[in-house]
């Protein structure tokens, strides 16, 4: 019997095409990718609001660079906190701007009839139904008619090259800006999971508190983030960086030299929270799972995976091999792109509709 549907798909007519866009809505960075095109945008999840006119005027990188430098009537908002949407309107405005600057450029070839828009987005494993619904509503507002939500640990595992449908459990540590997710994945799902709300942003605040107490200096968030990325490592060499902030004694500018050991001292408790979290996760896992984890090792993904020597440090503390994924920052968006090319796996792994 003649199949008219397959006939139309063969010719890839515009009105029959699904335009698939992937979203990694991170606390610190938002990444957008298009099926068959790859990643097209990666910018900070910041937006600037003029509270007088109620107009959003700064987005992404531009908004982040003016943190702490704006007049009272401009408010810098972080619409995603701890991996979930905390300001719905700001997130809609931010993604509309990002879509206009990236995704919409690829619509030019569809002059007559726009294709059906399909979205694949990641959400934390710990996200509630309301938080999942917020992601769906944001994407509906952007014009997407079909939305698939994927648990972030699943996407990160796929992006790290793990075949999660194998019945060989792997432990994945995904360190983001808002949360750190520890997950044992196997057989197409998550066997055991633990979420730690101690990640990049909280570490920035910890560094600020440390400098305040030890050196009597008040540092801004961007400065603390730079100290973390530049100075924190687990290798033998020591780096030093001079920062300028506000003196606690008189409020005047003050410069201090901060080195690697200072940042390590400040963040050791945060790093050991991850170590303890892994130990707790292994403790509650079945013996067969633990045996596989010891044999196959742990995969490290997310922004903190870029810290030099972190994998070796964790290996020494846990007595299990820890491997850093290739391009760990992009593990989630790579996993979503992988699923965009495999409809069957996408349907299997998508979270149930609310």
C-alpha atoms as a PDB file:
ATOM      1  CA  UNK A   1       0.000   0.000   0.000  1.00  0.00           C
ATOM      2  CA  UNK A   2       1.339   3.474  -0.896  1.00  0.00           C
ATOM      3  CA  UNK A   3       2.517   5.372   2.212  1.00  0.00           C
ATOM      4  CA  UNK A   4       1.906   9.071   1.576  1.00  0.00           C
ATOM      5  CA  UNK A   5       3.559  10.124   4.873  1.00  0.00           C
ATOM      6  CA  UNK A   6       6.880   8.510   3.988  1.00  0.00           C
ATOM      7  CA  UNK A   7       6.643  10.027   0.520  1.00  0.00           C
ATOM      8  CA  UNK A   8       6.417  13.530   2.013  1.00  0.00           C
ATOM      9  CA  UNK A   9       9.247  12.869   4.472  1.00  0.00           C
ATOM     10  CA  UNK A  10      11.448  11.720   1.616  1.00  0.00           C
ATOM     11  CA  UNK A  11      11.240  15.147  -0.025  1.00  0.00           C
ATOM     12  CA  UNK A  12      11.661  17.012   3.320  1.00  0.00           C
ATOM     13  CA  UNK A  13       9.048  19.649   2.521  1.00  0.00           C
ATOM     14  CA  UNK A  14       9.143  22.718   4.828  1.00  0.00           C
ATOM     15  CA  UNK A  15       5.636  22.127   6.159  1.00  0.00           C
ATOM     16  CA  UNK A  16       6.606  18.543   7.023  1.00  0.00           C
ATOM     17  CA  UNK A  17       9.948  19.272   8.649  1.00  0.00           C
ATOM     18  CA  UNK A  18      10.529  19.240  12.393  1.00  0.00           C
ATOM     19  CA  UNK A  19      12.971  21.939  13.450  1.00  0.00           C
ATOM     20  CA  UNK A  20      14.593  20.546  16.606  1.00  0.00           C
ATOM     21  CA  UNK A  21      16.243  22.895  19.117  1.00  0.00           C
ATOM     22  CA  UNK A  22      18.073  21.691  22.260  1.00  0.00           C
ATOM     23  CA  UNK A  23      18.267  23.752  25.460  1.00  0.00           C
ATOM     24  CA  UNK A  24      20.614  23.369  28.416  1.00  0.00           C
ATOM     25  CA  UNK A  25      19.095  25.883  30.819  1.00  0.00           C
ATOM     26  CA  UNK A  26      21.927  26.113  33.290  1.00  0.00           C
ATOM     27  CA  UNK A  27      22.229  28.293  36.377  1.00  0.00           C
ATOM     28  CA  UNK A  28      25.421  29.956  35.119  1.00  0.00           C
ATOM     29  CA  UNK A  29      25.214  29.429  31.356  1.00  0.00           C
ATOM     30  CA  UNK A  30      22.509  28.769  28.802  1.00  0.00           C
ATOM     31  CA  UNK A  31      23.454  26.635  25.809  1.00  0.00           C
ATOM     32  CA  UNK A  32      21.374  26.244  22.662  1.00  0.00           C
ATOM     33  CA  UNK A  33      21.949  23.770  19.840  1.00  0.00           C
ATOM     34  CA  UNK A  34      20.121  22.805  16.655  1.00  0.00           C
ATOM     35  CA  UNK A  35      19.809  19.320  15.268  1.00  0.00           C
ATOM     36  CA  UNK A  36      22.344  18.741  12.458  1.00  0.00           C
ATOM     37  CA  UNK A  37      23.940  22.147  13.184  1.00  0.00           C
ATOM     38  CA  UNK A  38      25.474  21.668  16.623  1.00  0.00           C
ATOM     39  CA  UNK A  39      25.846  24.197  19.428  1.00  0.00           C
ATOM     40  CA  UNK A  40      25.045  27.707  18.231  1.00  0.00           C
ATOM     41  CA  UNK A  41      24.970  29.725  21.449  1.00  0.00           C
ATOM     42  CA  UNK A  42      26.525  29.629  24.913  1.00  0.00           C
ATOM     43  CA  UNK A  43      26.055  32.687  27.119  1.00  0.00           C
ATOM     44  CA  UNK A  44      25.675  33.506  30.818  1.00  0.00           C
ATOM     45  CA  UNK A  45      22.158  33.193  32.262  1.00  0.00           C
ATOM     46  CA  UNK A  46      21.852  36.850  33.244  1.00  0.00           C
ATOM     47  CA  UNK A  47      19.331  39.510  32.237  1.00  0.00           C
ATOM     48  CA  UNK A  48      19.116  43.234  33.047  1.00  0.00           C
ATOM     49  CA  UNK A  49      15.740  44.833  33.880  1.00  0.00           C
ATOM     50  CA  UNK A  50      14.919  48.530  33.853  1.00  0.00           C
ATOM     51  CA  UNK A  51      12.577  48.578  36.852  1.00  0.00           C
ATOM     52  CA  UNK A  52      11.230  52.017  35.858  1.00  0.00           C
ATOM     53  CA  UNK A  53       9.968  50.991  32.421  1.00  0.00           C
ATOM     54  CA  UNK A  54       9.714  47.225  33.240  1.00  0.00           C
ATOM     55  CA  UNK A  55      11.765  46.542  30.113  1.00  0.00           C
ATOM     56  CA  UNK A  56      14.513  43.928  29.791  1.00  0.00           C
ATOM     57  CA  UNK A  57      17.483  45.695  28.219  1.00  0.00           C
ATOM     58  CA  UNK A  58      20.625  43.595  28.854  1.00  0.00           C
ATOM     59  CA  UNK A  59      21.070  39.921  28.088  1.00  0.00           C
ATOM     60  CA  UNK A  60      23.668  37.194  28.503  1.00  0.00           C
ATOM     61  CA  UNK A  61      27.318  38.240  28.416  1.00  0.00           C
ATOM     62  CA  UNK A  62      26.504  41.948  28.393  1.00  0.00           C
ATOM     63  CA  UNK A  63      24.324  41.617  31.493  1.00  0.00           C
ATOM     64  CA  UNK A  64      26.967  39.626  33.371  1.00  0.00           C
ATOM     65  CA  UNK A  65      29.748  42.133  32.660  1.00  0.00           C
ATOM     66  CA  UNK A  66      27.810  44.963  34.352  1.00  0.00           C
ATOM     67  CA  UNK A  67      27.007  43.099  37.593  1.00  0.00           C
ATOM     68  CA  UNK A  68      27.619  45.513  40.475  1.00  0.00           C
ATOM     69  CA  UNK A  69      28.122  48.479  38.132  1.00  0.00           C
ATOM     70  CA  UNK A  70      24.529  49.553  37.404  1.00  0.00           C
ATOM     71  CA  UNK A  71      22.398  52.443  38.716  1.00  0.00           C
ATOM     72  CA  UNK A  72      19.531  51.670  41.089  1.00  0.00           C
ATOM     73  CA  UNK A  73      16.888  51.522  38.362  1.00  0.00           C
ATOM     74  CA  UNK A  74      18.654  48.643  36.554  1.00  0.00           C
ATOM     75  CA  UNK A  75      18.361  45.268  38.230  1.00  0.00           C
ATOM     76  CA  UNK A  76      20.482  42.317  37.149  1.00  0.00           C
ATOM     77  CA  UNK A  77      18.443  39.109  37.422  1.00  0.00           C
ATOM     78  CA  UNK A  78      19.550  35.493  37.376  1.00  0.00           C
ATOM     79  CA  UNK A  79      16.370  33.736  36.195  1.00  0.00           C
ATOM     80  CA  UNK A  80      17.666  30.209  36.905  1.00  0.00           C
ATOM     81  CA  UNK A  81      18.656  29.323  40.473  1.00  0.00           C
ATOM     82  CA  UNK A  82      19.846  25.866  41.555  1.00  0.00           C
ATOM     83  CA  UNK A  83      19.071  24.526  38.092  1.00  0.00           C
ATOM     84  CA  UNK A  84      15.385  25.546  38.031  1.00  0.00           C
ATOM     85  CA  UNK A  85      13.553  28.625  36.779  1.00  0.00           C
ATOM     86  CA  UNK A  86      13.049  31.161  39.559  1.00  0.00           C
ATOM     87  CA  UNK A  87      11.887  34.152  37.468  1.00  0.00           C
ATOM     88  CA  UNK A  88       9.536  33.074  34.677  1.00  0.00           C
ATOM     89  CA  UNK A  89       9.209  36.418  32.846  1.00  0.00           C
ATOM     90  CA  UNK A  90      12.959  37.082  32.912  1.00  0.00           C
ATOM     91  CA  UNK A  91      13.710  33.595  31.535  1.00  0.00           C
ATOM     92  CA  UNK A  92      11.192  34.098  28.710  1.00  0.00           C
ATOM     93  CA  UNK A  93      12.755  37.465  27.827  1.00  0.00           C
ATOM     94  CA  UNK A  94      16.279  36.014  27.944  1.00  0.00           C
ATOM     95  CA  UNK A  95      15.465  33.034  25.732  1.00  0.00           C
ATOM     96  CA  UNK A  96      13.533  35.217  23.285  1.00  0.00           C
ATOM     97  CA  UNK A  97      16.651  37.350  22.894  1.00  0.00           C
ATOM     98  CA  UNK A  98      18.876  34.282  22.517  1.00  0.00           C
ATOM     99  CA  UNK A  99      16.475  32.752  19.974  1.00  0.00           C
ATOM    100  CA  UNK A 100      16.401  35.951  17.941  1.00  0.00           C
ATOM    101  CA  UNK A 101      20.199  36.111  17.839  1.00  0.00           C
ATOM    102  CA  UNK A 102      20.795  32.455  17.041  1.00  0.00           C
ATOM    103  CA  UNK A 103      17.965  30.061  16.192  1.00  0.00           C
ATOM    104  CA  UNK A 104      15.865  32.505  14.161  1.00  0.00           C
ATOM    105  CA  UNK A 105      18.772  33.067  11.768  1.00  0.00           C
ATOM    106  CA  UNK A 106      18.234  29.521  10.493  1.00  0.00           C
ATOM    107  CA  UNK A 107      14.586  30.231   9.665  1.00  0.00           C
ATOM    108  CA  UNK A 108      15.490  32.359   6.652  1.00  0.00           C
ATOM    109  CA  UNK A 109      15.353  29.376   4.309  1.00  0.00           C
ATOM    110  CA  UNK A 110      11.747  28.744   5.355  1.00  0.00           C
ATOM    111  CA  UNK A 111      10.309  31.801   3.658  1.00  0.00           C
ATOM    112  CA  UNK A 112       6.823  30.491   2.942  1.00  0.00           C
ATOM    113  CA  UNK A 113       5.796  28.137   5.734  1.00  0.00           C
ATOM    114  CA  UNK A 114       7.577  27.771   9.037  1.00  0.00           C
ATOM    115  CA  UNK A 115       8.425  24.236  10.176  1.00  0.00           C
ATOM    116  CA  UNK A 116       7.042  22.671  13.318  1.00  0.00           C
ATOM    117  CA  UNK A 117       9.228  23.632  16.269  1.00  0.00           C
ATOM    118  CA  UNK A 118      10.309  20.837  18.592  1.00  0.00           C
ATOM    119  CA  UNK A 119      12.321  21.455  21.785  1.00  0.00           C
ATOM    120  CA  UNK A 120      14.461  19.112  23.872  1.00  0.00           C
ATOM    121  CA  UNK A 121      15.437  20.553  27.250  1.00  0.00           C
ATOM    122  CA  UNK A 122      17.272  19.260  30.297  1.00  0.00           C
ATOM    123  CA  UNK A 123      15.950  19.576  33.844  1.00  0.00           C
ATOM    124  CA  UNK A 124      17.553  18.519  37.147  1.00  0.00           C
ATOM    125  CA  UNK A 125      16.615  15.092  38.461  1.00  0.00           C
ATOM    126  CA  UNK A 126      15.360  16.759  41.648  1.00  0.00           C
ATOM    127  CA  UNK A 127      13.041  19.188  39.798  1.00  0.00           C
ATOM    128  CA  UNK A 128       9.448  19.105  41.042  1.00  0.00           C
ATOM    129  CA  UNK A 129       6.432  18.844  38.722  1.00  0.00           C
ATOM    130  CA  UNK A 130       5.882  22.597  39.065  1.00  0.00           C
ATOM    131  CA  UNK A 131       9.493  23.302  38.117  1.00  0.00           C
ATOM    132  CA  UNK A 132       9.243  20.952  35.136  1.00  0.00           C
ATOM    133  CA  UNK A 133       6.031  22.645  34.089  1.00  0.00           C
ATOM    134  CA  UNK A 134       7.742  26.047  34.236  1.00  0.00           C
ATOM    135  CA  UNK A 135      10.306  24.874  31.645  1.00  0.00           C
ATOM    136  CA  UNK A 136       7.520  23.613  29.394  1.00  0.00           C
ATOM    137  CA  UNK A 137       5.576  26.876  29.701  1.00  0.00           C
ATOM    138  CA  UNK A 138       8.659  28.958  28.833  1.00  0.00           C
ATOM    139  CA  UNK A 139       9.256  26.901  25.692  1.00  0.00           C
ATOM    140  CA  UNK A 140       5.571  27.053  24.720  1.00  0.00           C
ATOM    141  CA  UNK A 141       5.842  30.848  24.977  1.00  0.00           C
ATOM    142  CA  UNK A 142       8.760  30.703  22.529  1.00  0.00           C
ATOM    143  CA  UNK A 143       6.571  28.955  19.953  1.00  0.00           C
ATOM    144  CA  UNK A 144       7.514  25.308  20.419  1.00  0.00           C
ATOM    145  CA  UNK A 145       4.621  22.939  19.811  1.00  0.00           C
ATOM    146  CA  UNK A 146       6.307  19.749  21.019  1.00  0.00           C
ATOM    147  CA  UNK A 147       8.572  19.582  24.072  1.00  0.00           C
ATOM    148  CA  UNK A 148      10.662  16.744  25.492  1.00  0.00           C
ATOM    149  CA  UNK A 149      12.194  17.040  28.951  1.00  0.00           C
ATOM    150  CA  UNK A 150      15.281  14.948  29.722  1.00  0.00           C
ATOM    151  CA  UNK A 151      16.788  14.470  33.170  1.00  0.00           C
ATOM    152  CA  UNK A 152      20.094  16.308  33.235  1.00  0.00           C
ATOM    153  CA  UNK A 153      22.176  13.365  34.541  1.00  0.00           C
ATOM    154  CA  UNK A 154      20.887  11.246  31.642  1.00  0.00           C
ATOM    155  CA  UNK A 155      21.822  13.921  29.094  1.00  0.00           C
ATOM    156  CA  UNK A 156      25.252  14.429  30.694  1.00  0.00           C
ATOM    157  CA  UNK A 157      25.919  10.670  30.638  1.00  0.00           C
ATOM    158  CA  UNK A 158      25.044  10.395  26.952  1.00  0.00           C
ATOM    159  CA  UNK A 159      27.156  13.462  26.172  1.00  0.00           C
ATOM    160  CA  UNK A 160      30.076  11.847  28.014  1.00  0.00           C
ATOM    161  CA  UNK A 161      29.870   8.829  25.695  1.00  0.00           C
ATOM    162  CA  UNK A 162      28.087   6.405  28.005  1.00  0.00           C
ATOM    163  CA  UNK A 163      25.576   3.972  26.520  1.00  0.00           C
ATOM    164  CA  UNK A 164      23.037   4.222  29.322  1.00  0.00           C
ATOM    165  CA  UNK A 165      20.935   1.351  27.939  1.00  0.00           C
ATOM    166  CA  UNK A 166      23.688  -1.120  28.859  1.00  0.00           C
ATOM    167  CA  UNK A 167      23.215  -2.866  32.180  1.00  0.00           C
ATOM    168  CA  UNK A 168      26.674  -1.772  33.297  1.00  0.00           C
ATOM    169  CA  UNK A 169      26.177   0.949  35.945  1.00  0.00           C
ATOM    170  CA  UNK A 170      28.300   4.093  35.725  1.00  0.00           C
ATOM    171  CA  UNK A 171      28.585   6.844  38.315  1.00  0.00           C
ATOM    172  CA  UNK A 172      28.475  10.357  36.853  1.00  0.00           C
ATOM    173  CA  UNK A 173      29.377  13.539  38.756  1.00  0.00           C
ATOM    174  CA  UNK A 174      27.845  16.558  37.010  1.00  0.00           C
ATOM    175  CA  UNK A 175      29.052  19.826  38.568  1.00  0.00           C
ATOM    176  CA  UNK A 176      27.183  22.932  37.511  1.00  0.00           C
ATOM    177  CA  UNK A 177      26.813  26.486  38.695  1.00  0.00           C
ATOM    178  CA  UNK A 178      23.818  25.867  40.946  1.00  0.00           C
ATOM    179  CA  UNK A 179      23.859  22.187  41.904  1.00  0.00           C
ATOM    180  CA  UNK A 180      26.067  19.116  41.742  1.00  0.00           C
ATOM    181  CA  UNK A 181      24.251  15.942  40.697  1.00  0.00           C
ATOM    182  CA  UNK A 182      25.687  12.533  41.562  1.00  0.00           C
ATOM    183  CA  UNK A 183      23.978   9.759  39.605  1.00  0.00           C
ATOM    184  CA  UNK A 184      24.329   6.041  38.985  1.00  0.00           C
ATOM    185  CA  UNK A 185      22.957   5.359  35.490  1.00  0.00           C
ATOM    186  CA  UNK A 186      22.179   1.959  34.004  1.00  0.00           C
ATOM    187  CA  UNK A 187      19.588   0.238  31.849  1.00  0.00           C
ATOM    188  CA  UNK A 188      18.160   3.484  30.433  1.00  0.00           C
ATOM    189  CA  UNK A 189      17.561   5.204  33.755  1.00  0.00           C
ATOM    190  CA  UNK A 190      18.922   6.417  37.084  1.00  0.00           C
ATOM    191  CA  UNK A 191      19.516   3.687  39.651  1.00  0.00           C
ATOM    192  CA  UNK A 192      20.553   5.980  42.516  1.00  0.00           C
ATOM    193  CA  UNK A 193      20.960   9.736  42.779  1.00  0.00           C
ATOM    194  CA  UNK A 194      22.036  12.487  45.156  1.00  0.00           C
ATOM    195  CA  UNK A 195      21.822  16.236  44.633  1.00  0.00           C
ATOM    196  CA  UNK A 196      24.168  18.635  46.413  1.00  0.00           C
ATOM    197  CA  UNK A 197      23.243  22.321  46.404  1.00  0.00           C
ATOM    198  CA  UNK A 198      26.865  23.279  46.602  1.00  0.00           C
ATOM    199  CA  UNK A 199      28.377  24.119  43.255  1.00  0.00           C
ATOM    200  CA  UNK A 200      30.087  26.943  41.378  1.00  0.00           C
ATOM    201  CA  UNK A 201      27.977  29.853  42.655  1.00  0.00           C
ATOM    202  CA  UNK A 202      28.132  28.863  46.309  1.00  0.00           C
ATOM    203  CA  UNK A 203      31.896  28.412  45.955  1.00  0.00           C
ATOM    204  CA  UNK A 204      32.181  31.998  44.707  1.00  0.00           C
ATOM    205  CA  UNK A 205      30.395  33.153  47.843  1.00  0.00           C
ATOM    206  CA  UNK A 206      32.658  30.987  49.994  1.00  0.00           C
ATOM    207  CA  UNK A 207      35.728  32.673  48.493  1.00  0.00           C
ATOM    208  CA  UNK A 208      34.175  36.082  49.189  1.00  0.00           C
ATOM    209  CA  UNK A 209      33.577  35.128  52.819  1.00  0.00           C
ATOM    210  CA  UNK A 210      37.132  33.790  53.148  1.00  0.00           C
ATOM    211  CA  UNK A 211      38.685  37.010  51.798  1.00  0.00           C
ATOM    212  CA  UNK A 212      36.424  39.052  54.075  1.00  0.00           C
ATOM    213  CA  UNK A 213      37.504  37.155  57.205  1.00  0.00           C
ATOM    214  CA  UNK A 214      41.202  36.629  56.437  1.00  0.00           C
ATOM    215  CA  UNK A 215      42.177  39.792  54.559  1.00  0.00           C
ATOM    216  CA  UNK A 216      39.459  42.253  55.601  1.00  0.00           C
ATOM    217  CA  UNK A 217      38.489  42.928  51.997  1.00  0.00           C
ATOM    218  CA  UNK A 218      35.088  42.910  50.288  1.00  0.00           C
ATOM    219  CA  UNK A 219      35.159  41.289  46.832  1.00  0.00           C
ATOM    220  CA  UNK A 220      32.449  41.171  44.181  1.00  0.00           C
ATOM    221  CA  UNK A 221      31.073  37.974  42.668  1.00  0.00           C
ATOM    222  CA  UNK A 222      32.866  38.348  39.269  1.00  0.00           C
ATOM    223  CA  UNK A 223      36.227  38.735  41.070  1.00  0.00           C
ATOM    224  CA  UNK A 224      35.612  35.645  43.194  1.00  0.00           C
ATOM    225  CA  UNK A 225      34.643  33.638  40.131  1.00  0.00           C
ATOM    226  CA  UNK A 226      37.865  34.676  38.407  1.00  0.00           C
ATOM    227  CA  UNK A 227      39.893  33.664  41.464  1.00  0.00           C
ATOM    228  CA  UNK A 228      38.231  30.248  41.434  1.00  0.00           C
ATOM    229  CA  UNK A 229      38.804  29.552  37.751  1.00  0.00           C
ATOM    230  CA  UNK A 230      42.352  30.964  37.651  1.00  0.00           C
ATOM    231  CA  UNK A 231      43.817  29.812  40.974  1.00  0.00           C
ATOM    232  CA  UNK A 232      42.016  26.595  41.925  1.00  0.00           C
ATOM    233  CA  UNK A 233      43.815  23.454  40.830  1.00  0.00           C
ATOM    234  CA  UNK A 234      45.159  20.276  42.408  1.00  0.00           C
ATOM    235  CA  UNK A 235      48.643  20.248  40.952  1.00  0.00           C
ATOM    236  CA  UNK A 236      51.992  21.117  42.540  1.00  0.00           C
ATOM    237  CA  UNK A 237      52.525  24.570  41.059  1.00  0.00           C
ATOM    238  CA  UNK A 238      51.199  27.603  42.918  1.00  0.00           C
ATOM    239  CA  UNK A 239      49.679  30.646  41.256  1.00  0.00           C
ATOM    240  CA  UNK A 240      49.188  34.122  42.685  1.00  0.00           C
ATOM    241  CA  UNK A 241      46.752  36.824  41.673  1.00  0.00           C
ATOM    242  CA  UNK A 242      46.391  40.392  42.932  1.00  0.00           C
ATOM    243  CA  UNK A 243      42.814  41.522  43.495  1.00  0.00           C
ATOM    244  CA  UNK A 244      41.438  44.897  44.427  1.00  0.00           C
ATOM    245  CA  UNK A 245      38.359  45.310  46.556  1.00  0.00           C
ATOM    246  CA  UNK A 246      36.913  47.490  49.288  1.00  0.00           C
ATOM    247  CA  UNK A 247      38.689  47.649  52.631  1.00  0.00           C
ATOM    248  CA  UNK A 248      36.648  46.509  55.594  1.00  0.00           C
ATOM    249  CA  UNK A 249      38.381  49.079  57.834  1.00  0.00           C
ATOM    250  CA  UNK A 250      37.809  52.331  55.948  1.00  0.00           C
ATOM    251  CA  UNK A 251      35.836  51.465  52.800  1.00  0.00           C
ATOM    252  CA  UNK A 252      38.689  52.590  50.524  1.00  0.00           C
ATOM    253  CA  UNK A 253      40.187  50.481  47.701  1.00  0.00           C
ATOM    254  CA  UNK A 254      42.523  47.765  48.951  1.00  0.00           C
ATOM    255  CA  UNK A 255      44.744  45.292  47.087  1.00  0.00           C
ATOM    256  CA  UNK A 256      45.755  41.850  48.322  1.00  0.00           C
ATOM    257  CA  UNK A 257      47.660  38.963  46.802  1.00  0.00           C
ATOM    258  CA  UNK A 258      45.723  35.700  46.893  1.00  0.00           C
ATOM    259  CA  UNK A 259      47.364  32.410  45.967  1.00  0.00           C
ATOM    260  CA  UNK A 260      46.284  28.874  45.145  1.00  0.00           C
ATOM    261  CA  UNK A 261      46.578  27.666  48.730  1.00  0.00           C
ATOM    262  CA  UNK A 262      44.153  30.381  49.868  1.00  0.00           C
ATOM    263  CA  UNK A 263      41.497  29.285  47.376  1.00  0.00           C
ATOM    264  CA  UNK A 264      42.059  25.620  48.251  1.00  0.00           C
ATOM    265  CA  UNK A 265      41.724  26.393  51.952  1.00  0.00           C
ATOM    266  CA  UNK A 266      38.491  28.259  51.283  1.00  0.00           C
ATOM    267  CA  UNK A 267      36.971  25.534  49.115  1.00  0.00           C
ATOM    268  CA  UNK A 268      38.178  22.314  50.733  1.00  0.00           C
ATOM    269  CA  UNK A 269      34.893  21.914  52.631  1.00  0.00           C
ATOM    270  CA  UNK A 270      32.934  22.356  49.392  1.00  0.00           C
ATOM    271  CA  UNK A 271      35.052  19.788  47.542  1.00  0.00           C
ATOM    272  CA  UNK A 272      34.753  17.320  50.415  1.00  0.00           C
ATOM    273  CA  UNK A 273      30.960  17.652  50.281  1.00  0.00           C
ATOM    274  CA  UNK A 274      31.181  16.096  46.817  1.00  0.00           C
ATOM    275  CA  UNK A 275      33.513  13.366  48.111  1.00  0.00           C
ATOM    276  CA  UNK A 276      31.171  12.595  51.002  1.00  0.00           C
ATOM    277  CA  UNK A 277      28.178  12.654  48.649  1.00  0.00           C
ATOM    278  CA  UNK A 278      29.768  10.036  46.395  1.00  0.00           C
ATOM    279  CA  UNK A 279      30.562   7.860  49.408  1.00  0.00           C
ATOM    280  CA  UNK A 280      26.948   8.112  50.617  1.00  0.00           C
ATOM    281  CA  UNK A 281      25.627   7.274  47.154  1.00  0.00           C
ATOM    282  CA  UNK A 282      27.863   4.214  46.904  1.00  0.00           C
ATOM    283  CA  UNK A 283      26.822   3.190  50.421  1.00  0.00           C
ATOM    284  CA  UNK A 284      23.111   3.049  49.500  1.00  0.00           C
ATOM    285  CA  UNK A 285      23.689   1.335  46.123  1.00  0.00           C
ATOM    286  CA  UNK A 286      23.277  -2.448  45.689  1.00  0.00           C
ATOM    287  CA  UNK A 287      26.523  -4.504  45.934  1.00  0.00           C
ATOM    288  CA  UNK A 288      26.420  -5.430  42.223  1.00  0.00           C
ATOM    289  CA  UNK A 289      26.275  -1.750  41.303  1.00  0.00           C
ATOM    290  CA  UNK A 290      29.191  -0.903  43.590  1.00  0.00           C
ATOM    291  CA  UNK A 291      31.309  -3.645  42.036  1.00  0.00           C
ATOM    292  CA  UNK A 292      30.657  -2.249  38.523  1.00  0.00           C
ATOM    293  CA  UNK A 293      31.482   1.296  39.647  1.00  0.00           C
ATOM    294  CA  UNK A 294      34.819   0.201  41.122  1.00  0.00           C
ATOM    295  CA  UNK A 295      35.598  -1.655  37.906  1.00  0.00           C
ATOM    296  CA  UNK A 296      34.529   1.010  35.409  1.00  0.00           C
ATOM    297  CA  UNK A 297      35.262   4.196  37.342  1.00  0.00           C
ATOM    298  CA  UNK A 298      33.527   7.549  37.685  1.00  0.00           C
ATOM    299  CA  UNK A 299      32.855  10.107  34.943  1.00  0.00           C
ATOM    300  CA  UNK A 300      33.281  13.807  35.761  1.00  0.00           C
ATOM    301  CA  UNK A 301      31.245  16.347  33.751  1.00  0.00           C
ATOM    302  CA  UNK A 302      30.248  19.996  34.136  1.00  0.00           C
ATOM    303  CA  UNK A 303      32.226  23.214  34.494  1.00  0.00           C
ATOM    304  CA  UNK A 304      34.185  22.165  37.586  1.00  0.00           C
ATOM    305  CA  UNK A 305      35.578  19.180  35.693  1.00  0.00           C
ATOM    306  CA  UNK A 306      37.933  21.683  34.024  1.00  0.00           C
ATOM    307  CA  UNK A 307      39.791  22.214  37.312  1.00  0.00           C
ATOM    308  CA  UNK A 308      43.262  20.819  36.694  1.00  0.00           C
ATOM    309  CA  UNK A 309      43.978  17.738  38.777  1.00  0.00           C
ATOM    310  CA  UNK A 310      40.470  17.438  40.249  1.00  0.00           C
ATOM    311  CA  UNK A 311      40.002  13.978  38.746  1.00  0.00           C
ATOM    312  CA  UNK A 312      43.277  12.777  40.329  1.00  0.00           C
ATOM    313  CA  UNK A 313      42.343  14.342  43.676  1.00  0.00           C
ATOM    314  CA  UNK A 314      38.951  12.576  43.680  1.00  0.00           C
ATOM    315  CA  UNK A 315      40.629   9.317  42.648  1.00  0.00           C
ATOM    316  CA  UNK A 316      42.908   9.536  45.668  1.00  0.00           C
ATOM    317  CA  UNK A 317      40.079  10.349  48.068  1.00  0.00           C
ATOM    318  CA  UNK A 318      37.580   7.775  46.762  1.00  0.00           C
ATOM    319  CA  UNK A 319      40.028   5.029  45.766  1.00  0.00           C
ATOM    320  CA  UNK A 320      38.091   4.716  42.502  1.00  0.00           C
ATOM    321  CA  UNK A 321      39.286   5.819  39.077  1.00  0.00           C
ATOM    322  CA  UNK A 322      37.822   9.199  38.047  1.00  0.00           C
ATOM    323  CA  UNK A 323      37.876  10.230  34.377  1.00  0.00           C
ATOM    324  CA  UNK A 324      37.063  13.692  33.024  1.00  0.00           C
ATOM    325  CA  UNK A 325      34.716  13.686  30.034  1.00  0.00           C
ATOM    326  CA  UNK A 326      35.760  15.305  26.763  1.00  0.00           C
ATOM    327  CA  UNK A 327      34.452  18.908  26.688  1.00  0.00           C
ATOM    328  CA  UNK A 328      32.820  18.490  30.118  1.00  0.00           C
ATOM    329  CA  UNK A 329      31.083  21.892  29.939  1.00  0.00           C
ATOM    330  CA  UNK A 330      29.103  20.723  26.911  1.00  0.00           C
ATOM    331  CA  UNK A 331      28.253  17.202  28.066  1.00  0.00           C
ATOM    332  CA  UNK A 332      24.559  18.001  28.596  1.00  0.00           C
ATOM    333  CA  UNK A 333      24.010  19.825  25.301  1.00  0.00           C
ATOM    334  CA  UNK A 334      25.938  17.092  23.438  1.00  0.00           C
ATOM    335  CA  UNK A 335      23.697  14.479  25.034  1.00  0.00           C
ATOM    336  CA  UNK A 336      20.572  16.362  23.962  1.00  0.00           C
ATOM    337  CA  UNK A 337      21.929  16.691  20.424  1.00  0.00           C
ATOM    338  CA  UNK A 338      22.580  12.957  20.367  1.00  0.00           C
ATOM    339  CA  UNK A 339      18.947  12.312  21.325  1.00  0.00           C
ATOM    340  CA  UNK A 340      17.689  14.748  18.671  1.00  0.00           C
ATOM    341  CA  UNK A 341      19.065  12.340  16.076  1.00  0.00           C
ATOM    342  CA  UNK A 342      17.492   9.280  17.664  1.00  0.00           C
ATOM    343  CA  UNK A 343      13.735   9.601  18.010  1.00  0.00           C
ATOM    344  CA  UNK A 344      13.344   6.134  19.479  1.00  0.00           C
ATOM    345  CA  UNK A 345      15.752   6.785  22.366  1.00  0.00           C
ATOM    346  CA  UNK A 346      14.293  10.268  22.868  1.00  0.00           C
ATOM    347  CA  UNK A 347      10.805   8.887  23.416  1.00  0.00           C
ATOM    348  CA  UNK A 348      12.137   6.225  25.797  1.00  0.00           C
ATOM    349  CA  UNK A 349      14.080   8.695  27.934  1.00  0.00           C
ATOM    350  CA  UNK A 350      11.710  11.691  27.911  1.00  0.00           C
ATOM    351  CA  UNK A 351      10.061  12.464  31.227  1.00  0.00           C
ATOM    352  CA  UNK A 352       6.310  11.726  31.406  1.00  0.00           C
ATOM    353  CA  UNK A 353       4.005  14.591  30.448  1.00  0.00           C
ATOM    354  CA  UNK A 354       2.604  16.456  33.424  1.00  0.00           C
END
